[in-house]
PDB file of N, CA and C in Angstrom:
ATOM      1  N   MET A   1      -7.831 -26.915 -13.563  1.00  0.00           N
ATOM      2  CA  MET A   1      -8.034 -25.497 -13.571  1.00  0.00           C
ATOM      3  C   MET A   1      -6.917 -24.862 -12.755  1.00  0.00           C
ATOM      4  N   ARG A   2      -6.197 -23.948 -13.384  1.00  0.00           N
ATOM      5  CA  ARG A   2      -5.095 -23.288 -12.704  1.00  0.00           C
ATOM      6  C   ARG A   2      -5.597 -22.034 -12.004  1.00  0.00           C
ATOM      7  N   LEU A   3      -5.058 -21.793 -10.827  1.00  0.00           N
ATOM      8  CA  LEU A   3      -5.440 -20.627 -10.044  1.00  0.00           C
ATOM      9  C   LEU A   3      -4.366 -19.564 -10.156  1.00  0.00           C
ATOM     10  N   GLY A   4      -4.797 -18.313 -10.243  1.00  0.00           N
ATOM     11  CA  GLY A   4      -3.858 -17.212 -10.201  1.00  0.00           C
ATOM     12  C   GLY A   4      -3.446 -16.946  -8.764  1.00  0.00           C
ATOM     13  N   ILE A   5      -2.589 -15.976  -8.598  1.00  0.00           N
ATOM     14  CA  ILE A   5      -2.085 -15.682  -7.252  1.00  0.00           C
ATOM     15  C   ILE A   5      -3.196 -15.162  -6.344  1.00  0.00           C
ATOM     16  N   LEU A   6      -4.074 -14.306  -6.868  1.00  0.00           N
ATOM     17  CA  LEU A   6      -5.161 -13.783  -6.037  1.00  0.00           C
ATOM     18  C   LEU A   6      -6.177 -14.866  -5.719  1.00  0.00           C
ATOM     19  N   ASP A   7      -6.438 -15.753  -6.674  1.00  0.00           N
ATOM     20  CA  ASP A   7      -7.350 -16.864  -6.405  1.00  0.00           C
ATOM     21  C   ASP A   7      -6.776 -17.800  -5.342  1.00  0.00           C
ATOM     22  N   THR A   8      -5.476 -18.031  -5.410  1.00  0.00           N
ATOM     23  CA  THR A   8      -4.829 -18.897  -4.418  1.00  0.00           C
ATOM     24  C   THR A   8      -4.894 -18.272  -3.025  1.00  0.00           C
ATOM     25  N   LEU A   9      -4.647 -16.978  -2.937  1.00  0.00           N
ATOM     26  CA  LEU A   9      -4.741 -16.301  -1.645  1.00  0.00           C
ATOM     27  C   LEU A   9      -6.175 -16.312  -1.112  1.00  0.00           C
ATOM     28  N   GLY A  10      -7.145 -16.138  -1.998  1.00  0.00           N
ATOM     29  CA  GLY A  10      -8.541 -16.200  -1.582  1.00  0.00           C
ATOM     30  C   GLY A  10      -8.918 -17.581  -1.079  1.00  0.00           C
ATOM     31  N   LEU A  11      -8.431 -18.613  -1.757  1.00  0.00           N
ATOM     32  CA  LEU A  11      -8.693 -19.977  -1.307  1.00  0.00           C
ATOM     33  C   LEU A  11      -8.043 -20.239   0.049  1.00  0.00           C
ATOM     34  N   ALA A  12      -6.829 -19.755   0.238  1.00  0.00           N
ATOM     35  CA  ALA A  12      -6.145 -19.932   1.522  1.00  0.00           C
ATOM     36  C   ALA A  12      -6.915 -19.224   2.642  1.00  0.00           C
ATOM     37  N   ALA A  13      -7.405 -18.023   2.368  1.00  0.00           N
ATOM     38  CA  ALA A  13      -8.182 -17.298   3.379  1.00  0.00           C
ATOM     39  C   ALA A  13      -9.478 -18.038   3.702  1.00  0.00           C
ATOM     40  N   THR A  14     -10.109 -18.607   2.697  1.00  0.00           N
ATOM     41  CA  THR A  14     -11.326 -19.376   2.925  1.00  0.00           C
ATOM     42  C   THR A  14     -11.030 -20.616   3.763  1.00  0.00           C
ATOM     43  N   LEU A  15      -9.933 -21.297   3.458  1.00  0.00           N
ATOM     44  CA  LEU A  15      -9.583 -22.500   4.206  1.00  0.00           C
ATOM     45  C   LEU A  15      -9.260 -22.204   5.664  1.00  0.00           C
ATOM     46  N   ILE A  16      -8.725 -21.000   5.938  1.00  0.00           N
ATOM     47  CA  ILE A  16      -8.430 -20.613   7.317  1.00  0.00           C
ATOM     48  C   ILE A  16      -9.706 -20.652   8.162  1.00  0.00           C
ATOM     49  N   PHE A  17     -10.839 -20.301   7.553  1.00  0.00           N
ATOM     50  CA  PHE A  17     -12.103 -20.309   8.292  1.00  0.00           C
ATOM     51  C   PHE A  17     -12.845 -21.634   8.162  1.00  0.00           C
ATOM     52  N   ALA A  18     -12.694 -22.320   7.034  1.00  0.00           N
ATOM     53  CA  ALA A  18     -13.467 -23.541   6.801  1.00  0.00           C
ATOM     54  C   ALA A  18     -12.902 -24.745   7.561  1.00  0.00           C
ATOM     55  N   ILE A  19     -11.600 -24.827   7.701  1.00  0.00           N
ATOM     56  CA  ILE A  19     -10.998 -25.992   8.363  1.00  0.00           C
ATOM     57  C   ILE A  19     -11.433 -26.104   9.831  1.00  0.00           C
ATOM     58  N   PRO A  20     -11.406 -25.030  10.620  1.00  0.00           N
ATOM     59  CA  PRO A  20     -11.881 -25.176  12.009  1.00  0.00           C
ATOM     60  C   PRO A  20     -13.361 -25.562  12.104  1.00  0.00           C
ATOM     61  N   VAL A  21     -14.183 -25.038  11.202  1.00  0.00           N
ATOM     62  CA  VAL A  21     -15.603 -25.399  11.208  1.00  0.00           C
ATOM     63  C   VAL A  21     -15.758 -26.886  10.907  1.00  0.00           C
ATOM     64  N   GLY A  22     -15.033 -27.369   9.911  1.00  0.00           N
ATOM     65  CA  GLY A  22     -15.100 -28.786   9.571  1.00  0.00           C
ATOM     66  C   GLY A  22     -14.592 -29.682  10.681  1.00  0.00           C
ATOM     67  N   LEU A  23     -13.502 -29.286  11.307  1.00  0.00           N
ATOM     68  CA  LEU A  23     -12.960 -30.086  12.413  1.00  0.00           C
ATOM     69  C   LEU A  23     -13.915 -30.120  13.602  1.00  0.00           C
ATOM     70  N   TYR A  24     -14.526 -28.991  13.905  1.00  0.00           N
ATOM     71  CA  TYR A  24     -15.502 -28.978  14.987  1.00  0.00           C
ATOM     72  C   TYR A  24     -16.707 -29.853  14.636  1.00  0.00           C
ATOM     73  N   GLY A  25     -17.071 -29.853  13.358  1.00  0.00           N
ATOM     74  CA  GLY A  25     -18.159 -30.714  12.924  1.00  0.00           C
ATOM     75  C   GLY A  25     -17.826 -32.188  13.098  1.00  0.00           C
ATOM     76  N   VAL A  26     -16.606 -32.571  12.765  1.00  0.00           N
ATOM     77  CA  VAL A  26     -16.183 -33.966  12.941  1.00  0.00           C
ATOM     78  C   VAL A  26     -16.166 -34.325  14.427  1.00  0.00           C
ATOM     79  N   GLU A  27     -15.621 -33.430  15.246  1.00  0.00           N
ATOM     80  CA  GLU A  27     -15.597 -33.684  16.692  1.00  0.00           C
ATOM     81  C   GLU A  27     -17.006 -33.799  17.265  1.00  0.00           C
ATOM     82  N   SER A  28     -17.919 -32.951  16.796  1.00  0.00           N
ATOM     83  CA  SER A  28     -19.299 -33.010  17.281  1.00  0.00           C
ATOM     84  C   SER A  28     -19.963 -34.314  16.872  1.00  0.00           C
ATOM     85  N   ALA A  29     -19.708 -34.750  15.642  1.00  0.00           N
ATOM     86  CA  ALA A  29     -20.304 -36.005  15.178  1.00  0.00           C
ATOM     87  C   ALA A  29     -19.776 -37.186  15.988  1.00  0.00           C
ATOM     88  N   LEU A  30     -18.495 -37.172  16.300  1.00  0.00           N
ATOM     89  CA  LEU A  30     -17.912 -38.268  17.075  1.00  0.00           C
ATOM     90  C   LEU A  30     -18.330 -38.223  18.545  1.00  0.00           C
ATOM     91  N   ALA A  31     -18.719 -37.037  19.018  1.00  0.00           N
ATOM     92  CA  ALA A  31     -19.122 -36.889  20.418  1.00  0.00           C
ATOM     93  C   ALA A  31     -20.588 -37.226  20.645  1.00  0.00           C
ATOM     94  N   GLY A  32     -21.291 -37.637  19.590  1.00  0.00           N
ATOM     95  CA  GLY A  32     -22.673 -38.051  19.790  1.00  0.00           C
ATOM     96  C   GLY A  32     -23.711 -37.073  19.291  1.00  0.00           C
ATOM     97  N   ARG A  33     -23.304 -36.031  18.591  1.00  0.00           N
ATOM     98  CA  ARG A  33     -24.255 -35.086  18.011  1.00  0.00           C
ATOM     99  C   ARG A  33     -24.097 -35.122  16.480  1.00  0.00           C
ATOM    100  N   PRO A  34     -24.595 -36.183  15.854  1.00  0.00           N
ATOM    101  CA  PRO A  34     -24.343 -36.362  14.419  1.00  0.00           C
ATOM    102  C   PRO A  34     -24.998 -35.299  13.536  1.00  0.00           C
ATOM    103  N   ALA A  35     -26.167 -34.822  13.911  1.00  0.00           N
ATOM    104  CA  ALA A  35     -26.841 -33.821  13.076  1.00  0.00           C
ATOM    105  C   ALA A  35     -26.025 -32.527  13.029  1.00  0.00           C
ATOM    106  N   LEU A  36     -25.582 -32.076  14.184  1.00  0.00           N
ATOM    107  CA  LEU A  36     -24.760 -30.867  14.243  1.00  0.00           C
ATOM    108  C   LEU A  36     -23.439 -31.083  13.514  1.00  0.00           C
ATOM    109  N   GLY A  37     -22.821 -32.226  13.722  1.00  0.00           N
ATOM    110  CA  GLY A  37     -21.535 -32.507  13.101  1.00  0.00           C
ATOM    111  C   GLY A  37     -21.604 -32.540  11.589  1.00  0.00           C
ATOM    112  N   VAL A  38     -22.583 -33.265  11.070  1.00  0.00           N
ATOM    113  CA  VAL A  38     -22.731 -33.357   9.614  1.00  0.00           C
ATOM    114  C   VAL A  38     -23.091 -31.988   9.041  1.00  0.00           C
ATOM    115  N   GLY A  39     -23.937 -31.256   9.748  1.00  0.00           N
ATOM    116  CA  GLY A  39     -24.296 -29.909   9.282  1.00  0.00           C
ATOM    117  C   GLY A  39     -23.091 -28.995   9.187  1.00  0.00           C
ATOM    118  N   LEU A  40     -22.225 -29.041  10.179  1.00  0.00           N
ATOM    119  CA  LEU A  40     -21.040 -28.185  10.160  1.00  0.00           C
ATOM    120  C   LEU A  40     -20.036 -28.617   9.084  1.00  0.00           C
ATOM    121  N   VAL A  41     -19.915 -29.902   8.852  1.00  0.00           N
ATOM    122  CA  VAL A  41     -19.034 -30.369   7.782  1.00  0.00           C
ATOM    123  C   VAL A  41     -19.567 -29.904   6.426  1.00  0.00           C
ATOM    124  N   VAL A  42     -20.877 -29.964   6.254  1.00  0.00           N
ATOM    125  CA  VAL A  42     -21.483 -29.485   5.006  1.00  0.00           C
ATOM    126  C   VAL A  42     -21.245 -27.986   4.838  1.00  0.00           C
ATOM    127  N   VAL A  43     -21.384 -27.228   5.907  1.00  0.00           N
ATOM    128  CA  VAL A  43     -21.118 -25.787   5.845  1.00  0.00           C
ATOM    129  C   VAL A  43     -19.663 -25.528   5.459  1.00  0.00           C
ATOM    130  N   ALA A  44     -18.741 -26.271   6.028  1.00  0.00           N
ATOM    131  CA  ALA A  44     -17.323 -26.080   5.711  1.00  0.00           C
ATOM    132  C   ALA A  44     -17.041 -26.389   4.242  1.00  0.00           C
ATOM    133  N   VAL A  45     -17.638 -27.454   3.734  1.00  0.00           N
ATOM    134  CA  VAL A  45     -17.440 -27.794   2.319  1.00  0.00           C
ATOM    135  C   VAL A  45     -18.040 -26.712   1.426  1.00  0.00           C
ATOM    136  N   LEU A  46     -19.215 -26.230   1.775  1.00  0.00           N
ATOM    137  CA  LEU A  46     -19.851 -25.177   0.973  1.00  0.00           C
ATOM    138  C   LEU A  46     -19.059 -23.877   1.017  1.00  0.00           C
ATOM    139  N   MET A  47     -18.387 -23.592   2.123  1.00  0.00           N
ATOM    140  CA  MET A  47     -17.555 -22.392   2.213  1.00  0.00           C
ATOM    141  C   MET A  47     -16.446 -22.415   1.178  1.00  0.00           C
ATOM    142  N   VAL A  48     -15.957 -23.588   0.846  1.00  0.00           N
ATOM    143  CA  VAL A  48     -14.863 -23.705  -0.114  1.00  0.00           C
ATOM    144  C   VAL A  48     -15.397 -23.814  -1.541  1.00  0.00           C
ATOM    145  N   VAL A  49     -16.475 -24.576  -1.729  1.00  0.00           N
ATOM    146  CA  VAL A  49     -16.947 -24.889  -3.076  1.00  0.00           C
ATOM    147  C   VAL A  49     -17.763 -23.754  -3.694  1.00  0.00           C
ATOM    148  N   LEU A  50     -18.655 -23.151  -2.943  1.00  0.00           N
ATOM    149  CA  LEU A  50     -19.550 -22.150  -3.518  1.00  0.00           C
ATOM    150  C   LEU A  50     -18.847 -20.944  -4.141  1.00  0.00           C
ATOM    151  N   PRO A  51     -17.852 -20.356  -3.512  1.00  0.00           N
ATOM    152  CA  PRO A  51     -17.205 -19.211  -4.166  1.00  0.00           C
ATOM    153  C   PRO A  51     -16.547 -19.565  -5.495  1.00  0.00           C
ATOM    154  N   ARG A  52     -16.142 -20.821  -5.684  1.00  0.00           N
ATOM    155  CA  ARG A  52     -15.522 -21.239  -6.942  1.00  0.00           C
ATOM    156  C   ARG A  52     -16.558 -21.513  -8.023  1.00  0.00           C
ATOM    157  N   ARG A  53     -17.783 -21.918  -7.622  1.00  0.00           N
ATOM    158  CA  ARG A  53     -18.793 -22.347  -8.582  1.00  0.00           C
ATOM    159  C   ARG A  53     -19.816 -21.273  -8.939  1.00  0.00           C
ATOM    160  N   LEU A  54     -20.106 -20.370  -8.019  1.00  0.00           N
ATOM    161  CA  LEU A  54     -21.136 -19.364  -8.262  1.00  0.00           C
ATOM    162  C   LEU A  54     -20.580 -18.166  -9.023  1.00  0.00           C
ATOM    163  N   THR A  55     -21.404 -17.596  -9.863  1.00  0.00           N
ATOM    164  CA  THR A  55     -21.058 -16.360 -10.548  1.00  0.00           C
ATOM    165  C   THR A  55     -21.791 -15.230  -9.849  1.00  0.00           C
ATOM    166  N   THR A  56     -21.044 -14.264  -9.365  1.00  0.00           N
ATOM    167  CA  THR A  56     -21.639 -13.127  -8.672  1.00  0.00           C
ATOM    168  C   THR A  56     -21.737 -11.948  -9.635  1.00  0.00           C
ATOM    169  N   PRO A  57     -22.520 -10.938  -9.301  1.00  0.00           N
ATOM    170  CA  PRO A  57     -22.601  -9.766 -10.173  1.00  0.00           C
ATOM    171  C   PRO A  57     -21.236  -9.096 -10.393  1.00  0.00           C
ATOM    172  N   ALA A  58     -20.335  -9.214  -9.444  1.00  0.00           N
ATOM    173  CA  ALA A  58     -19.007  -8.627  -9.617  1.00  0.00           C
ATOM    174  C   ALA A  58     -18.181  -9.401 -10.647  1.00  0.00           C
ATOM    175  N   ASP A  59     -18.509 -10.677 -10.870  1.00  0.00           N
ATOM    176  CA  ASP A  59     -17.777 -11.497 -11.829  1.00  0.00           C
ATOM    177  C   ASP A  59     -18.257 -11.314 -13.260  1.00  0.00           C
ATOM    178  N   LEU A  60     -19.443 -10.762 -13.463  1.00  0.00           N
ATOM    179  CA  LEU A  60     -20.022 -10.675 -14.796  1.00  0.00           C
ATOM    180  C   LEU A  60     -19.201  -9.838 -15.778  1.00  0.00           C
ATOM    181  N   PRO A  61     -18.718  -8.639 -15.411  1.00  0.00           N
ATOM    182  CA  PRO A  61     -17.925  -7.881 -16.392  1.00  0.00           C
ATOM    183  C   PRO A  61     -16.687  -8.638 -16.859  1.00  0.00           C
ATOM    184  N   GLY A  62     -16.005  -9.311 -15.964  1.00  0.00           N
ATOM    185  CA  GLY A  62     -14.830 -10.088 -16.341  1.00  0.00           C
ATOM    186  C   GLY A  62     -15.185 -11.243 -17.254  1.00  0.00           C
ATOM    187  N   ALA A  63     -16.314 -11.896 -17.001  1.00  0.00           N
ATOM    188  CA  ALA A  63     -16.748 -13.009 -17.845  1.00  0.00           C
ATOM    189  C   ALA A  63     -17.113 -12.523 -19.245  1.00  0.00           C
ATOM    190  N   VAL A  64     -17.752 -11.366 -19.325  1.00  0.00           N
ATOM    191  CA  VAL A  64     -18.115 -10.813 -20.631  1.00  0.00           C
ATOM    192  C   VAL A  64     -16.868 -10.449 -21.421  1.00  0.00           C
ATOM    193  N   VAL A  65     -15.922  -9.789 -20.780  1.00  0.00           N
ATOM    194  CA  VAL A  65     -14.683  -9.411 -21.468  1.00  0.00           C
ATOM    195  C   VAL A  65     -13.920 -10.650 -21.911  1.00  0.00           C
ATOM    196  N   GLU A  66     -13.868 -11.660 -21.069  1.00  0.00           N
ATOM    197  CA  GLU A  66     -13.164 -12.894 -21.428  1.00  0.00           C
ATOM    198  C   GLU A  66     -13.798 -13.565 -22.640  1.00  0.00           C
ATOM    199  N   ARG A  67     -15.117 -13.575 -22.682  1.00  0.00           N
ATOM    200  CA  ARG A  67     -15.798 -14.190 -23.822  1.00  0.00           C
ATOM    201  C   ARG A  67     -15.573 -13.392 -25.103  1.00  0.00           C
ATOM    202  N   VAL A  68     -15.641 -12.046 -25.019  1.00  0.00           N
ATOM    203  CA  VAL A  68     -15.447 -11.207 -26.204  1.00  0.00           C
ATOM    204  C   VAL A  68     -14.018 -11.344 -26.711  1.00  0.00           C
ATOM    205  N   VAL A  69     -13.050 -11.281 -25.824  1.00  0.00           N
ATOM    206  CA  VAL A  69     -11.649 -11.400 -26.234  1.00  0.00           C
ATOM    207  C   VAL A  69     -11.378 -12.799 -26.768  1.00  0.00           C
ATOM    208  N   GLY A  70     -11.971 -13.803 -26.151  1.00  0.00           N
ATOM    209  CA  GLY A  70     -11.776 -15.173 -26.625  1.00  0.00           C
ATOM    210  C   GLY A  70     -12.326 -15.384 -28.022  1.00  0.00           C
ATOM    211  N   ASP A  71     -13.440 -14.701 -28.357  1.00  0.00           N
ATOM    212  CA  ASP A  71     -14.000 -14.805 -29.701  1.00  0.00           C
ATOM    213  C   ASP A  71     -13.211 -13.979 -30.710  1.00  0.00           C
ATOM    214  N   ALA A  72     -12.641 -12.863 -30.270  1.00  0.00           N
ATOM    215  CA  ALA A  72     -11.939 -11.975 -31.197  1.00  0.00           C
ATOM    216  C   ALA A  72     -10.516 -12.424 -31.476  1.00  0.00           C
ATOM    217  N   VAL A  73      -9.838 -12.939 -30.472  1.00  0.00           N
ATOM    218  CA  VAL A  73      -8.437 -13.332 -30.614  1.00  0.00           C
ATOM    219  C   VAL A  73      -8.343 -14.847 -30.609  1.00  0.00           C
ATOM    220  N   LYS A  74      -7.788 -15.389 -31.663  1.00  0.00           N
ATOM    221  CA  LYS A  74      -7.622 -16.836 -31.755  1.00  0.00           C
ATOM    222  C   LYS A  74      -6.164 -17.196 -31.514  1.00  0.00           C
ATOM    223  N   GLU A  75      -5.949 -18.333 -30.886  1.00  0.00           N
ATOM    224  CA  GLU A  75      -4.594 -18.827 -30.655  1.00  0.00           C
ATOM    225  C   GLU A  75      -3.983 -19.253 -31.985  1.00  0.00           C
ATOM    226  N   PRO A  76      -2.719 -18.902 -32.224  1.00  0.00           N
ATOM    227  CA  PRO A  76      -2.083 -19.354 -33.470  1.00  0.00           C
ATOM    228  C   PRO A  76      -1.896 -20.867 -33.439  1.00  0.00           C
ATOM    229  N   GLU A  77      -2.131 -21.475 -34.582  1.00  0.00           N
ATOM    230  CA  GLU A  77      -1.978 -22.922 -34.667  1.00  0.00           C
ATOM    231  C   GLU A  77      -0.501 -23.273 -34.788  1.00  0.00           C
ATOM    232  N   ALA A  78      -0.089 -24.297 -34.075  1.00  0.00           N
ATOM    233  CA  ALA A  78       1.310 -24.731 -34.115  1.00  0.00           C
ATOM    234  C   ALA A  78       1.534 -25.499 -35.409  1.00  0.00           C
ATOM    235  N   ASP A  79       2.652 -25.224 -36.058  1.00  0.00           N
ATOM    236  CA  ASP A  79       3.010 -25.941 -37.273  1.00  0.00           C
ATOM    237  C   ASP A  79       3.541 -27.315 -36.915  1.00  0.00           C
ATOM    238  N   ALA A  80       3.323 -28.255 -37.778  1.00  0.00           N
ATOM    239  CA  ALA A  80       3.808 -29.617 -37.555  1.00  0.00           C
ATOM    240  C   ALA A  80       5.332 -29.667 -37.627  1.00  0.00           C
ATOM    241  N   ASP A  81       5.946 -28.720 -38.347  1.00  0.00           N
ATOM    242  CA  ASP A  81       7.401 -28.709 -38.491  1.00  0.00           C
ATOM    243  C   ASP A  81       8.104 -28.301 -37.209  1.00  0.00           C
ATOM    244  N   GLU A  82       7.432 -27.516 -36.361  1.00  0.00           N
ATOM    245  CA  GLU A  82       8.075 -27.029 -35.139  1.00  0.00           C
ATOM    246  C   GLU A  82       8.173 -28.122 -34.082  1.00  0.00           C
ATOM    247  N   GLU A  83       7.346 -29.115 -34.128  1.00  0.00           N
ATOM    248  CA  GLU A  83       7.333 -30.161 -33.095  1.00  0.00           C
ATOM    249  C   GLU A  83       8.390 -31.137 -33.295  1.00  0.00           C
TER     250      GLU A  83
END
């Protein structure tokens, strides 16, 4: 899956916050607090994964337009002679 420029910037902004949480979770787990550490690592992973997987109400208009345009406009088939 290719990311656009805005998606890449959003992912970078998310990682700025998720990486310290994950690192603190690893440090906590190694320091003898495994429940806190594992919990924080899970939170850090969810910070990155959930925005990519969930559909929010703000995403619905774009998804509808993409589906309508995808059904209306078909990609031209490549001729065997051009290859």
